[in-house]
Protein backbone atom coordinates (compact mmCIF):
# COMPACT_ATOMS: atom_id res chain seq x y z
CA MET A 1 -8.38 -78.95 -104.03
CA SER A 2 -5.42 -81.01 -102.93
CA LYS A 3 -4.52 -81.50 -99.23
CA THR A 4 -1.42 -79.30 -99.76
CA SER A 5 -3.23 -76.44 -101.30
CA ALA A 6 -5.93 -76.60 -98.51
CA ILE A 7 -3.27 -76.43 -95.82
CA LEU A 8 -1.59 -73.50 -97.58
CA SER A 9 -4.96 -71.69 -97.95
CA TRP A 10 -5.79 -72.16 -94.24
CA GLY A 11 -2.25 -71.09 -93.28
CA LEU A 12 -2.54 -67.96 -95.41
CA LEU A 13 -5.94 -67.19 -93.91
CA TRP A 14 -4.58 -67.45 -90.34
CA LEU A 15 -1.60 -65.37 -91.21
CA LEU A 16 -3.78 -62.57 -92.59
CA PHE A 17 -6.19 -62.86 -89.64
CA GLY A 18 -3.29 -62.63 -87.20
CA ALA A 19 -1.76 -59.62 -88.94
CA GLY A 20 -5.13 -57.90 -88.82
CA ILE A 21 -5.47 -58.51 -85.04
CA SER A 22 -1.91 -57.46 -84.29
CA SER A 23 -2.20 -54.25 -86.18
CA THR A 24 -5.31 -53.15 -84.15
CA ILE A 25 -3.87 -54.00 -80.63
CA LYS A 26 -1.30 -51.89 -78.78
CA TRP A 27 1.03 -54.62 -77.53
CA ARG A 28 4.40 -52.84 -77.73
CA PRO A 29 4.48 -50.55 -74.63
CA TRP A 30 8.31 -49.94 -75.20
CA GLU A 31 7.30 -47.78 -78.05
CA PHE A 32 6.20 -45.12 -75.57
CA GLU A 33 8.74 -42.91 -74.12
CA PRO A 34 7.32 -40.38 -71.57
CA TYR A 35 10.79 -38.81 -71.23
CA VAL A 36 14.30 -39.33 -72.61
CA ASP A 37 17.84 -38.10 -71.94
CA VAL A 38 17.62 -38.09 -68.03
CA GLN A 39 20.77 -36.32 -66.73
CA ILE A 40 21.41 -36.22 -62.95
CA SER A 41 23.18 -33.08 -61.95
CA GLU A 42 22.81 -33.22 -58.14
CA SER A 43 22.41 -36.26 -55.90
CA HIS A 44 23.67 -36.01 -52.30
CA LEU A 45 22.67 -36.27 -48.58
CA ILE A 46 22.70 -33.48 -46.14
CA GLY A 47 21.63 -34.96 -42.72
CA GLU A 48 18.31 -36.64 -43.25
CA LYS A 49 17.59 -34.79 -46.61
CA PHE A 50 18.38 -36.15 -49.98
CA PHE A 51 18.88 -33.39 -52.66
CA PHE A 52 18.19 -34.53 -56.26
CA THR A 53 18.27 -32.50 -59.44
CA ALA A 54 17.93 -33.88 -62.94
CA THR A 55 17.17 -32.60 -66.45
CA PHE A 56 15.08 -34.53 -69.02
CA ASP A 57 13.36 -34.15 -72.27
CA LYS A 58 9.54 -34.50 -71.70
CA LYS A 59 7.63 -36.28 -74.50
CA GLY A 60 3.93 -36.43 -75.30
CA CYS A 61 2.55 -38.68 -72.37
CA GLN A 62 0.50 -37.46 -69.38
CA LEU A 63 2.02 -37.90 -65.98
CA LEU A 64 -0.25 -39.76 -63.63
CA SER A 65 2.13 -40.14 -60.66
CA PHE A 66 5.77 -39.56 -59.63
CA ARG A 67 7.07 -41.39 -56.49
CA PRO A 68 10.49 -41.80 -54.90
CA ILE A 69 10.83 -45.23 -53.47
CA GLY A 70 13.42 -46.21 -50.86
CA LEU A 71 14.93 -49.64 -51.34
CA PHE A 72 16.15 -51.27 -48.10
CA GLU A 73 18.08 -54.50 -47.97
CA GLY A 74 16.89 -57.21 -45.64
CA THR A 75 14.82 -60.39 -45.54
CA PRO A 76 12.49 -59.69 -47.11
CA PRO A 77 13.68 -56.56 -48.99
CA LEU A 78 11.67 -53.54 -48.24
CA ALA A 79 10.47 -50.78 -50.62
CA LEU A 80 9.19 -47.73 -48.82
CA LEU A 81 7.31 -44.78 -50.41
CA LEU A 82 9.35 -41.64 -49.44
CA LYS A 83 8.02 -38.16 -48.68
CA PHE A 84 9.51 -35.35 -50.88
CA ILE A 85 9.21 -31.78 -51.67
CA ASP A 86 9.54 -30.28 -55.16
CA ARG A 87 11.64 -27.22 -54.63
CA GLU A 88 9.53 -25.44 -57.39
CA GLY A 89 6.29 -26.24 -55.52
CA ARG A 90 4.94 -28.78 -58.00
CA GLY A 91 2.75 -31.66 -56.90
CA ASP A 92 3.52 -35.35 -57.57
CA THR A 93 0.91 -35.47 -60.31
CA GLU A 94 1.59 -32.06 -61.98
CA ASP A 95 2.40 -32.66 -65.58
CA ARG A 96 5.02 -30.64 -67.34
CA SER A 97 5.08 -29.15 -70.83
CA LEU A 98 6.95 -30.80 -73.65
CA GLY A 99 10.65 -30.21 -74.13
CA LEU A 100 13.53 -29.74 -71.82
CA GLN A 101 12.69 -29.68 -68.11
CA THR A 102 14.56 -29.66 -64.79
CA LEU A 103 13.35 -31.45 -61.61
CA TYR A 104 14.44 -30.10 -58.17
CA LEU A 105 13.66 -32.38 -55.30
CA VAL A 106 14.36 -32.82 -51.58
CA VAL A 107 13.55 -36.27 -50.20
CA ASP A 108 12.92 -36.87 -46.49
CA LEU A 109 14.98 -39.76 -45.22
CA SER A 110 14.10 -39.41 -41.50
CA GLU A 111 12.81 -42.99 -41.65
CA GLY A 112 16.24 -44.28 -42.45
CA ILE A 113 18.83 -44.14 -45.20
CA PRO A 114 17.98 -46.65 -48.02
CA GLU A 115 20.56 -48.56 -50.02
CA ALA A 116 19.06 -46.97 -53.17
CA ILE A 117 16.34 -44.63 -54.20
CA GLU A 118 14.24 -45.15 -57.38
CA PHE A 119 12.17 -42.33 -58.76
CA ARG A 120 9.28 -44.10 -60.39
CA THR A 121 6.75 -42.64 -62.80
CA GLN A 122 3.39 -43.70 -64.25
CA HIS A 123 2.20 -42.06 -67.49
CA ASP A 124 -0.84 -42.37 -69.75
CA CYS A 125 0.51 -42.55 -73.32
CA ASP A 126 -2.36 -42.62 -75.76
CA GLY A 127 -4.47 -44.77 -73.41
CA GLU A 128 -1.64 -47.10 -72.57
CA ILE A 129 -0.42 -47.01 -68.91
CA VAL A 130 3.36 -46.87 -68.84
CA ASN A 131 5.42 -47.39 -65.68
CA ARG A 132 9.15 -46.37 -65.67
CA VAL A 133 11.98 -45.89 -63.39
CA PHE A 134 13.08 -42.23 -64.04
CA ALA A 135 16.33 -42.59 -62.06
CA ARG A 136 17.96 -44.94 -59.60
CA VAL A 137 20.60 -43.39 -57.17
CA ILE A 138 22.67 -44.35 -54.25
CA PRO A 139 22.25 -41.71 -51.40
CA GLU A 140 25.71 -40.57 -50.38
CA HIS A 141 27.11 -37.69 -48.40
CA PRO A 142 29.06 -35.18 -50.54
């Protein structure tokens, strides 16, 4: 066996070995979409309450948590977990059925009005934990 054919043989072996490993490991979390087509229909302040309504298409992942986070500028910047009420009485870990859904929330901003609010989710998608920002909004008076 010549040196060139030996190198090609080892290269082919490593290529096949690498392809076998990569096909068995879930390394592409962007393939998982817990929800799509988020459309915000209400987003405004009334006093210290922030009203938020959005529709979305729920896919096949299980909700683990839903959290509104207030983003405050400063040195250092501050991210604060905000209290909220689901106007339909759902909890922050209650999963929804597949298909078109509407989310109705009131977020308590009595601790202060943040520069932005991110609604963050965590899902289990076939054993893969997927963290996403559902929506990012700027709280403004109507």
